[in-house]
Amino acid sequence: MMSIRSLWRRKLRTFLTILGVVIGATSIILMLSLGIAMDENFKKQMQEMQSLTVIEVSPNTWSDPKAPKLDDKALKSMEAIPGVQKVVPSRSINVYLKFGKYRTSSQIEIRGLSAEEMEILGYKVGEGKLFDKTDTKAIVLGREITRQFVKPGQQINWNKPPDAKEFELGEDQVKIDLGQYSYDTNEPVSDQDGNQIEVPRQERVTVLGLFKEEDWENSYIALVPLNLFEKLKEEQERYNKKVNNGQEENNKDKNKYQSVRVKVADESQVETVQQAIKDAGFRAYSPMEYLNEMKKVSSSIQIMLGGIGGISLLVAAIGITNTMMMSIYERTKEIGVMKVIGAKLTDIKKLFLVEALLIGALGGGVGVTVSYITSFLINKFGAQVAGGMMSMMGSEGGGAISIIPPWLALAALTFSTVIGLVAGYFPAKRAMSLSALTAIRTE
């Protein structure tokens, strides 16, 4: 109570000292909240574009001929790694797509997946839906594919690309064309005798969904059901054999799969599983690698921002020390009387430490409150401006600019209190060392 009364007697000085702590605590919290928000927004964007728990694995035979082959045996060994949920081989062929009188300007990659594999790998659409077990003739398109439909033989002017074709999802159909065409005449290719090779029957499929605009990983691919893909692949192999005059394609690569995707059960296990795959002699890439690099950059930015805020709190600590020293000089006679009537040195020390602690705690508490209010205002009004800027650049805004997690508020409050306690230590020690007789004689 004595500490509170002492602070109350000098209301203006106490207010200004607490204000210094409020500014320091608020600066640290807001500066760090900007870095935390940046980190969270980047992670969210990565999760929207691709699954963070999927590892892309490819053979290492190009750089090391003795490297292990990516075959069924390799897939089984990967499935045995602790933390691996599923191993899905990448199956793809290149085809043309036709929509009405339009055709894609070049072949596009289509991949075959089961409904279960799509769910495990975390595919998401921006419009429409993914196919399920009941959909046998369906397709999901990447956004950039919708901009590649031109009249057959026409090339895209990339300085002025065509508008994206709009599909009535679940209704409109495209044709999958397995043929190969002459670049000059746009006619089906011919055999050695000059006879045109009959193009396989075109398969009609219903466009069920489109990937998100920002999903750059899947912008140029299409997905079809696995059973349909296997049928298309067999037809394409027979057709390619005719194109190659009855000979099998010359493929010295003994890898059964060009790449596989490994689904890991939890984000915390991705790095361990990825390293185990690399140790087995394969190339392995995960979005978590890029995310971790960005986290390092973000941590550096947070340290820098926190340091800027910390300077304000350091100035506040000096202010607390100055206030307490002034209080001692003003209360020298009071301290002398306390010593004469039998007050212990520890009691005098506690008195000044509690005063300093109260200043730090009050400043920290008010600083946390001000930080939450300011953060709310930044997110409400600042996000509108930032969202507009992001839209002009072709990206989506909407993420929080400032995020204050509970641990940050608690840490700031604790730190402010400790700063107050430390700042009050030397003045308290000074009060203990005063001579009682000298203090009483002081006017």
Protein backbone atom coordinates (compact mmCIF):
# COMPACT_ATOMS: atom_id res chain seq x y z
CA MET A 1 0.00 0.00 0.00
CA MET A 2 2.86 2.38 0.77
CA SER A 3 4.22 1.80 -2.74
CA ILE A 4 0.84 2.62 -4.31
CA ARG A 5 0.42 5.76 -2.16
CA SER A 6 3.92 6.89 -3.08
CA LEU A 7 3.23 6.49 -6.79
CA TRP A 8 -0.14 8.22 -6.45
CA ARG A 9 1.42 11.26 -4.73
CA ARG A 10 3.47 11.90 -7.89
CA LYS A 11 0.76 11.15 -10.42
CA LEU A 12 2.20 13.06 -13.39
CA ARG A 13 5.69 11.59 -13.05
CA THR A 14 4.23 8.11 -12.55
CA PHE A 15 1.96 8.55 -15.57
CA LEU A 16 4.81 9.65 -17.83
CA THR A 17 7.03 6.79 -16.66
CA ILE A 18 4.26 4.24 -17.23
CA LEU A 19 3.61 5.83 -20.64
CA GLY A 20 7.23 5.12 -21.58
CA VAL A 21 6.74 1.44 -20.71
CA VAL A 22 3.44 1.37 -22.64
CA ILE A 23 5.17 2.73 -25.75
CA GLY A 24 8.03 0.25 -25.39
CA ALA A 25 5.77 -2.79 -24.83
CA THR A 26 3.42 -1.76 -27.64
CA SER A 27 6.35 -1.26 -30.02
CA ILE A 28 7.75 -4.73 -29.34
CA ILE A 29 4.37 -6.47 -29.60
CA LEU A 30 3.31 -4.73 -32.81
CA MET A 31 6.70 -5.12 -34.48
CA LEU A 32 6.79 -8.85 -33.72
CA SER A 33 3.12 -9.25 -34.67
CA LEU A 34 3.93 -8.02 -38.19
CA GLY A 35 6.63 -10.67 -38.58
CA ILE A 36 4.38 -13.40 -37.16
CA ALA A 37 1.56 -12.42 -39.53
CA MET A 38 3.94 -12.51 -42.49
CA ASP A 39 5.08 -16.00 -41.47
CA GLU A 40 1.51 -17.28 -40.99
CA ASN A 41 0.26 -15.78 -44.26
CA PHE A 42 3.10 -17.33 -46.23
CA LYS A 43 2.46 -20.73 -44.66
CA LYS A 44 -1.25 -20.42 -45.44
CA GLN A 45 -0.50 -19.56 -49.07
CA MET A 46 1.83 -22.55 -49.35
CA GLN A 47 -0.83 -24.84 -47.89
CA GLU A 48 -3.42 -23.52 -50.36
CA MET A 49 -1.11 -24.07 -53.33
CA GLN A 50 0.29 -27.45 -52.34
CA SER A 51 0.35 -29.89 -49.47
CA LEU A 52 3.24 -29.34 -47.07
CA THR A 53 3.27 -33.04 -46.19
CA VAL A 54 3.93 -34.32 -49.73
CA ILE A 55 7.49 -35.11 -50.86
CA GLU A 56 8.29 -35.27 -54.58
CA VAL A 57 10.77 -38.09 -55.26
CA SER A 58 12.65 -38.69 -58.52
CA PRO A 59 15.53 -41.00 -59.52
CA ASN A 60 19.11 -39.80 -59.24
CA THR A 61 20.35 -41.83 -62.21
CA TRP A 62 21.07 -38.80 -64.42
CA SER A 63 23.89 -37.65 -62.16
CA ASP A 64 24.80 -41.09 -60.79
CA PRO A 65 24.33 -44.12 -63.11
CA LYS A 66 24.80 -46.44 -60.13
CA ALA A 67 21.98 -44.81 -58.17
CA PRO A 68 19.04 -47.08 -57.24
CA LYS A 69 16.16 -47.38 -59.70
CA LEU A 70 12.75 -45.96 -58.94
CA ASP A 71 10.67 -49.13 -59.20
CA ASP A 72 8.13 -51.09 -57.17
CA LYS A 73 10.86 -52.32 -54.82
CA ALA A 74 11.88 -48.72 -54.10
CA LEU A 75 8.24 -47.78 -53.46
CA LYS A 76 7.87 -50.57 -50.90
CA SER A 77 11.03 -49.46 -49.10
CA MET A 78 9.68 -45.90 -48.93
CA GLU A 79 6.35 -47.11 -47.54
CA ALA A 80 8.30 -48.82 -44.73
CA ILE A 81 9.85 -45.51 -43.56
CA PRO A 82 8.27 -44.43 -40.23
CA GLY A 83 5.85 -41.55 -40.77
CA VAL A 84 5.00 -42.39 -44.41
CA GLN A 85 1.25 -42.60 -44.96
CA LYS A 86 1.13 -43.40 -48.69
CA VAL A 87 3.41 -43.58 -51.73
CA VAL A 88 1.72 -42.59 -54.99
CA PRO A 89 3.53 -43.05 -58.32
CA SER A 90 3.19 -40.22 -60.84
CA ARG A 91 1.45 -41.46 -63.99
CA SER A 92 1.25 -39.03 -66.88
CA ILE A 93 0.94 -38.78 -70.65
CA ASN A 94 0.90 -35.80 -73.02
CA VAL A 95 -2.23 -35.22 -75.11
CA TYR A 96 -4.20 -32.53 -76.91
CA LEU A 97 -7.54 -31.35 -75.58
CA LYS A 98 -10.38 -30.23 -77.87
CA PHE A 99 -13.30 -28.00 -76.94
CA GLY A 100 -15.72 -27.36 -79.79
CA LYS A 101 -13.73 -26.02 -82.74
CA TYR A 102 -10.75 -25.21 -80.51
CA ARG A 103 -7.73 -27.30 -79.53
CA THR A 104 -4.87 -26.70 -77.13
CA SER A 105 -1.96 -25.10 -78.97
CA SER A 106 0.36 -27.85 -77.72
CA GLN A 107 0.11 -31.11 -75.85
CA ILE A 108 -0.67 -30.84 -72.16
CA GLU A 109 0.16 -33.25 -69.34
CA ILE A 110 -2.66 -35.32 -67.89
CA ARG A 111 -2.18 -37.41 -64.77
CA GLY A 112 -4.09 -40.47 -63.65
CA LEU A 113 -5.15 -40.68 -60.02
CA SER A 114 -7.75 -42.53 -58.01
CA ALA A 115 -10.20 -40.57 -55.88
CA GLU A 116 -8.45 -41.90 -52.76
CA GLU A 117 -5.02 -40.78 -54.00
CA MET A 118 -6.32 -37.29 -54.78
CA GLU A 119 -7.70 -36.95 -51.27
CA ILE A 120 -4.47 -38.20 -49.68
CA LEU A 121 -2.31 -35.84 -51.76
CA GLY A 122 -4.50 -32.90 -50.79
CA TYR A 123 -5.67 -31.68 -54.21
CA LYS A 124 -8.08 -28.73 -54.00
CA VAL A 125 -10.14 -26.99 -56.67
CA GLY A 126 -11.06 -23.32 -56.94
CA GLU A 127 -14.31 -24.03 -58.81
CA GLY A 128 -16.41 -27.16 -59.24
CA LYS A 129 -15.29 -30.39 -57.63
CA LEU A 130 -12.82 -33.26 -57.84
CA PHE A 131 -14.04 -36.53 -59.33
CA ASP A 132 -15.03 -39.41 -57.06
CA LYS A 133 -15.21 -43.19 -57.47
CA THR A 134 -18.41 -42.95 -59.50
CA ASP A 135 -16.93 -40.57 -62.11
CA THR A 136 -15.40 -42.65 -64.90
CA LYS A 137 -15.07 -40.02 -67.62
CA ALA A 138 -14.16 -36.76 -65.92
CA ILE A 139 -11.35 -34.24 -65.93
CA VAL A 140 -10.08 -31.43 -63.68
CA LEU A 141 -8.13 -28.67 -65.45
CA GLY A 142 -5.34 -26.32 -64.44
CA ARG A 143 -6.16 -22.65 -64.96
CA GLU A 144 -3.50 -22.02 -67.61
CA ILE A 145 -4.87 -24.82 -69.79
CA THR A 146 -8.11 -22.84 -70.21
CA ARG A 147 -6.03 -20.10 -71.89
CA GLN A 148 -4.44 -22.44 -74.45
CA PHE A 149 -7.46 -23.26 -76.61
CA VAL A 150 -7.00 -21.92 -80.15
CA LYS A 151 -8.08 -22.95 -83.64
CA PRO A 152 -6.10 -26.01 -84.84
CA GLY A 153 -2.77 -24.98 -86.32
CA GLN A 154 -2.89 -21.55 -84.74
CA GLN A 155 -0.11 -20.59 -82.35
CA ILE A 156 -0.55 -18.49 -79.23
CA ASN A 157 0.73 -14.93 -79.31
CA TRP A 158 2.09 -14.72 -75.76
CA ASN A 159 2.22 -10.93 -75.98
CA LYS A 160 -1.56 -11.05 -76.34
CA PRO A 161 -2.73 -14.48 -75.15
CA PRO A 162 -6.34 -15.57 -75.79
CA ASP A 163 -8.98 -15.20 -73.11
CA ALA A 164 -9.58 -18.19 -70.86
CA LYS A 165 -12.35 -20.48 -72.10
CA GLU A 166 -15.27 -20.65 -69.69
CA PHE A 167 -16.73 -24.06 -68.89
CA GLU A 168 -20.11 -25.02 -67.49
CA LEU A 169 -18.66 -27.31 -64.84
CA GLY A 170 -20.35 -30.68 -64.68
CA GLU A 171 -21.92 -30.12 -68.12
CA ASP A 172 -19.34 -29.13 -70.76
CA GLN A 173 -17.14 -31.82 -72.25
CA VAL A 174 -13.70 -31.82 -73.84
CA LYS A 175 -12.16 -34.46 -76.08
CA ILE A 176 -8.84 -36.11 -75.26
CA ASP A 177 -6.85 -36.39 -78.49
CA LEU A 178 -3.93 -38.86 -78.44
CA GLY A 179 -2.81 -38.02 -81.98
CA GLN A 180 0.36 -36.39 -83.26
CA TYR A 181 0.16 -33.70 -85.93
CA SER A 182 2.50 -32.16 -88.48
CA TYR A 183 3.64 -28.70 -87.45
CA ASP A 184 3.43 -27.39 -91.03
CA THR A 185 0.15 -28.89 -92.27
CA ASN A 186 -1.59 -29.66 -88.98
CA GLU A 187 -2.47 -33.07 -90.47
CA PRO A 188 -1.94 -36.39 -88.64
CA VAL A 189 1.62 -37.66 -89.00
CA SER A 190 2.39 -40.25 -91.70
CA ASP A 191 4.35 -43.50 -91.79
CA GLN A 192 7.44 -44.17 -93.94
CA ASP A 193 5.26 -44.84 -96.98
CA GLY A 194 3.57 -41.45 -96.67
CA ASN A 195 0.26 -42.86 -95.45
CA GLN A 196 -1.45 -40.96 -92.67
CA ILE A 197 -1.61 -42.91 -89.43
CA GLU A 198 -5.11 -43.14 -88.09
CA VAL A 199 -5.54 -41.15 -84.89
CA PRO A 200 -7.07 -43.08 -81.97
CA ARG A 201 -10.70 -42.41 -81.14
CA GLN A 202 -11.06 -39.26 -79.09
CA GLU A 203 -12.39 -39.76 -75.57
CA ARG A 204 -15.08 -37.40 -74.32
CA VAL A 205 -14.75 -36.36 -70.68
CA THR A 206 -16.78 -33.95 -68.54
CA VAL A 207 -15.01 -30.95 -67.01
CA LEU A 208 -15.84 -31.18 -63.30
CA GLY A 209 -13.49 -28.62 -61.77
CA LEU A 210 -10.76 -26.03 -62.17
CA PHE A 211 -7.74 -25.61 -59.92
CA LYS A 212 -7.30 -22.34 -58.06
CA GLU A 213 -5.85 -19.40 -59.96
CA GLU A 214 -2.93 -19.14 -57.52
CA ASP A 215 -2.23 -22.90 -57.62
CA TRP A 216 0.84 -22.53 -59.84
CA GLU A 217 1.96 -26.12 -59.23
CA ASN A 218 -1.12 -27.49 -61.02
CA SER A 219 -1.68 -24.66 -63.51
CA TYR A 220 -0.55 -26.63 -66.56
CA ILE A 221 -1.79 -30.15 -65.75
CA ALA A 222 -5.11 -32.00 -65.86
CA LEU A 223 -6.31 -34.93 -63.75
CA VAL A 224 -8.39 -37.89 -64.94
CA PRO A 225 -9.60 -41.05 -63.14
CA LEU A 226 -6.99 -43.80 -62.94
CA ASN A 227 -8.99 -46.41 -64.92
CA LEU A 228 -9.52 -43.96 -67.78
CA PHE A 229 -5.85 -42.97 -67.70
CA GLU A 230 -4.68 -46.59 -68.00
CA LYS A 231 -6.95 -47.09 -71.00
CA LEU A 232 -5.63 -43.91 -72.64
CA LYS A 233 -2.04 -44.88 -71.97
CA GLU A 234 -2.49 -48.29 -73.62
CA GLU A 235 -4.05 -46.68 -76.70
CA GLN A 236 -1.28 -44.10 -76.88
CA GLU A 237 1.41 -46.79 -76.65
CA ARG A 238 -0.18 -48.71 -79.55
CA TYR A 239 -0.45 -45.49 -81.56
CA ASN A 240 3.15 -44.47 -80.81
CA LYS A 241 4.31 -47.91 -81.94
CA LYS A 242 2.70 -47.27 -85.34
CA VAL A 243 4.29 -43.81 -85.48
CA ASN A 244 7.68 -45.42 -84.79
CA ASN A 245 7.14 -47.98 -87.60
CA GLY A 246 6.32 -50.89 -85.34
CA GLN A 247 9.27 -50.37 -83.03
CA GLU A 248 9.08 -49.82 -79.31
CA GLU A 249 10.22 -46.43 -78.10
CA ASN A 250 13.93 -46.42 -77.37
CA ASN A 251 14.09 -45.87 -73.66
CA LYS A 252 17.33 -46.73 -71.91
CA ASP A 253 16.02 -45.47 -68.60
CA LYS A 254 15.33 -48.53 -66.44
CA ASN A 255 13.27 -46.60 -63.92
CA LYS A 256 9.68 -47.80 -63.88
CA TYR A 257 8.55 -44.41 -62.55
CA GLN A 258 9.87 -40.96 -63.41
CA SER A 259 8.67 -39.65 -60.06
CA VAL A 260 6.55 -40.60 -57.07
CA ARG A 261 4.85 -38.62 -54.34
CA VAL A 262 5.29 -39.58 -50.72
CA LYS A 263 2.54 -38.49 -48.33
CA VAL A 264 3.81 -37.99 -44.77
CA ALA A 265 1.43 -38.29 -41.82
CA ASP A 266 2.54 -35.09 -40.07
CA GLU A 267 4.46 -31.91 -40.93
CA SER A 268 6.90 -32.54 -38.08
CA GLN A 269 8.03 -35.79 -39.77
CA VAL A 270 8.59 -34.40 -43.27
CA GLU A 271 12.24 -33.46 -42.77
CA THR A 272 13.12 -36.86 -41.25
CA VAL A 273 11.35 -38.81 -44.02
CA GLN A 274 12.88 -36.61 -46.73
CA GLN A 275 16.38 -37.20 -45.37
CA ALA A 276 15.77 -40.97 -45.23
CA ILE A 277 14.74 -40.92 -48.92
CA LYS A 278 17.84 -38.91 -49.85
CA ASP A 279 20.02 -41.34 -47.89
CA ALA A 280 18.52 -44.14 -50.00
CA GLY A 281 19.94 -42.46 -53.12
CA PHE A 282 16.93 -40.58 -54.54
CA ARG A 283 16.22 -36.92 -55.14
CA ALA A 284 13.59 -35.59 -52.75
CA TYR A 285 11.93 -32.19 -52.67
CA SER A 286 9.31 -30.89 -50.25
CA PRO A 287 7.62 -27.47 -50.02
CA MET A 288 8.67 -27.58 -46.36
CA GLU A 289 12.24 -26.89 -47.54
CA TYR A 290 11.18 -23.59 -49.06
CA LEU A 291 8.94 -22.83 -46.09
CA ASN A 292 11.80 -23.43 -43.64
CA GLU A 293 14.04 -21.08 -45.64
CA MET A 294 11.33 -18.44 -45.54
CA LYS A 295 10.97 -19.00 -41.79
CA LYS A 296 14.67 -18.23 -41.37
CA VAL A 297 14.22 -14.99 -43.29
CA SER A 298 11.08 -14.23 -41.28
CA SER A 299 12.92 -14.91 -38.00
CA SER A 300 15.66 -12.48 -38.99
CA ILE A 301 13.04 -9.85 -39.79
CA GLN A 302 11.28 -10.50 -36.47
CA ILE A 303 14.55 -10.14 -34.56
CA MET A 304 15.21 -6.84 -36.34
CA LEU A 305 11.68 -5.56 -35.69
CA GLY A 306 11.80 -6.78 -32.08
CA GLY A 307 15.14 -5.02 -31.64
CA ILE A 308 13.61 -1.75 -32.83
CA GLY A 309 10.80 -2.15 -30.30
CA GLY A 310 13.31 -3.22 -27.65
CA ILE A 311 15.09 0.14 -27.91
CA SER A 312 11.85 1.84 -26.83
CA LEU A 313 11.58 -0.48 -23.84
CA LEU A 314 15.23 0.16 -22.94
CA VAL A 315 14.52 3.89 -22.92
CA ALA A 316 11.50 3.15 -20.71
CA ALA A 317 13.74 1.19 -18.32
CA ILE A 318 16.07 4.18 -18.06
CA GLY A 319 13.01 6.30 -17.33
CA ILE A 320 11.98 3.96 -14.50
CA THR A 321 15.48 4.13 -13.01
CA ASN A 322 15.46 7.92 -13.25
CA THR A 323 12.01 8.14 -11.63
CA MET A 324 13.03 5.89 -8.76
CA MET A 325 16.29 7.79 -8.17
CA MET A 326 14.36 11.07 -8.07
CA SER A 327 11.93 9.47 -5.65
CA ILE A 328 14.81 8.48 -3.35
CA TYR A 329 16.25 12.00 -3.32
CA GLU A 330 12.82 13.42 -2.54
CA ARG A 331 12.15 10.86 0.20
CA THR A 332 15.60 10.79 1.80
CA LYS A 333 14.25 12.07 5.13
CA GLU A 334 11.41 9.52 5.00
CA ILE A 335 13.92 6.73 4.44
CA GLY A 336 15.98 7.96 7.42
CA VAL A 337 12.93 7.95 9.70
CA MET A 338 12.04 4.43 8.57
CA LYS A 339 15.53 3.24 9.49
CA VAL A 340 15.44 4.98 12.89
CA ILE A 341 12.11 3.42 13.90
CA GLY A 342 13.48 -0.03 13.07
CA ALA A 343 12.57 -0.75 9.46
CA LYS A 344 14.69 -3.54 8.01
CA LEU A 345 16.92 -2.86 5.02
CA THR A 346 15.06 -5.58 3.10
CA ASP A 347 11.75 -3.78 3.77
CA ILE A 348 13.14 -0.55 2.31
CA LYS A 349 14.51 -2.48 -0.65
CA LYS A 350 11.16 -4.20 -1.22
CA LEU A 351 9.33 -0.85 -1.06
CA PHE A 352 11.24 0.59 -4.01
CA LEU A 353 11.35 -2.68 -5.93
CA VAL A 354 7.57 -3.02 -5.66
CA GLU A 355 7.12 0.55 -6.93
CA ALA A 356 9.34 -0.18 -9.94
CA LEU A 357 7.61 -3.52 -10.50
CA LEU A 358 4.17 -1.85 -10.45
CA ILE A 359 5.29 0.70 -13.03
CA GLY A 360 6.58 -2.10 -15.30
CA ALA A 361 3.50 -4.31 -14.81
CA LEU A 362 1.00 -1.47 -15.34
CA GLY A 363 2.88 -0.25 -18.41
CA GLY A 364 3.06 -3.79 -19.79
CA GLY A 365 -0.64 -4.47 -19.16
CA VAL A 366 -1.76 -1.23 -20.79
CA GLY A 367 0.73 -1.85 -23.62
CA VAL A 368 -0.81 -5.28 -24.32
CA THR A 369 -4.31 -3.75 -24.40
CA VAL A 370 -3.21 -0.92 -26.70
CA SER A 371 -1.43 -3.47 -28.94
CA TYR A 372 -4.58 -5.57 -29.39
CA ILE A 373 -6.64 -2.47 -30.22
CA THR A 374 -4.01 -1.19 -32.66
CA SER A 375 -3.66 -4.64 -34.24
CA PHE A 376 -7.43 -4.80 -34.77
CA LEU A 377 -7.43 -1.38 -36.45
CA ILE A 378 -4.43 -2.30 -38.63
CA ASN A 379 -6.15 -5.50 -39.78
CA LYS A 380 -9.48 -3.77 -40.40
CA PHE A 381 -8.29 -0.74 -42.31
CA GLY A 382 -4.78 -1.70 -43.40
CA ALA A 383 -5.94 -5.03 -44.90
CA GLN A 384 -8.29 -3.17 -47.25
CA VAL A 385 -5.40 -1.12 -48.63
CA ALA A 386 -3.06 -4.13 -48.78
CA GLY A 387 -5.77 -6.27 -50.40
CA GLY A 388 -6.29 -3.65 -53.11
CA MET A 389 -2.56 -3.53 -53.81
CA MET A 390 -2.35 -7.34 -53.96
CA SER A 391 -5.32 -7.47 -56.36
CA MET A 392 -3.62 -4.98 -58.69
CA MET A 393 -0.57 -7.26 -58.69
CA GLY A 394 -2.73 -10.28 -59.54
CA SER A 395 -2.60 -11.92 -56.11
CA GLU A 396 -5.17 -12.49 -53.43
CA GLY A 397 -5.06 -10.43 -50.26
CA GLY A 398 -7.20 -10.97 -47.18
CA GLY A 399 -4.53 -12.21 -44.77
CA ALA A 400 -4.07 -10.53 -41.40
CA ILE A 401 -1.33 -7.89 -41.34
CA SER A 402 -0.83 -8.18 -37.58
CA ILE A 403 -1.23 -11.33 -35.47
CA ILE A 404 -0.73 -11.26 -31.68
CA PRO A 405 -0.70 -14.80 -30.28
CA PRO A 406 -1.39 -15.21 -26.53
CA TRP A 407 2.20 -16.20 -25.83
CA LEU A 408 3.46 -12.88 -27.26
CA ALA A 409 1.11 -10.83 -25.06
CA LEU A 410 2.10 -12.84 -21.97
CA ALA A 411 5.80 -12.59 -22.83
CA ALA A 412 5.55 -8.81 -23.30
CA LEU A 413 3.75 -8.39 -19.96
CA THR A 414 6.32 -10.56 -18.17
CA PHE A 415 9.24 -8.82 -19.87
CA SER A 416 7.90 -5.36 -18.97
CA THR A 417 7.47 -6.42 -15.34
CA VAL A 418 10.99 -7.86 -15.19
CA ILE A 419 12.39 -4.72 -16.85
CA GLY A 420 10.69 -2.63 -14.15
CA LEU A 421 12.11 -4.86 -11.43
CA VAL A 422 15.63 -4.70 -12.85
CA ALA A 423 15.39 -0.94 -13.40
CA GLY A 424 14.38 -0.49 -9.77
CA TYR A 425 17.19 -2.64 -8.35
CA PHE A 426 19.94 0.00 -8.28
CA PRO A 427 17.71 2.76 -6.83
CA ALA A 428 16.54 0.29 -4.15
CA LYS A 429 20.14 -0.56 -3.36
CA ARG A 430 20.90 3.16 -3.14
CA ALA A 431 18.04 3.61 -0.66
CA MET A 432 19.42 0.77 1.50
CA SER A 433 22.89 2.34 1.64
CA LEU A 434 21.71 5.76 2.89
CA SER A 435 22.89 6.71 6.40
CA ALA A 436 19.93 7.15 8.76
CA LEU A 437 21.42 10.22 10.54
CA THR A 438 22.42 11.90 7.28
CA ALA A 439 18.99 11.18 5.83
CA ILE A 440 17.20 12.72 8.84
CA ARG A 441 19.31 15.92 8.65
CA THR A 442 18.39 16.35 4.97
CA GLU A 443 16.03 19.27 4.35
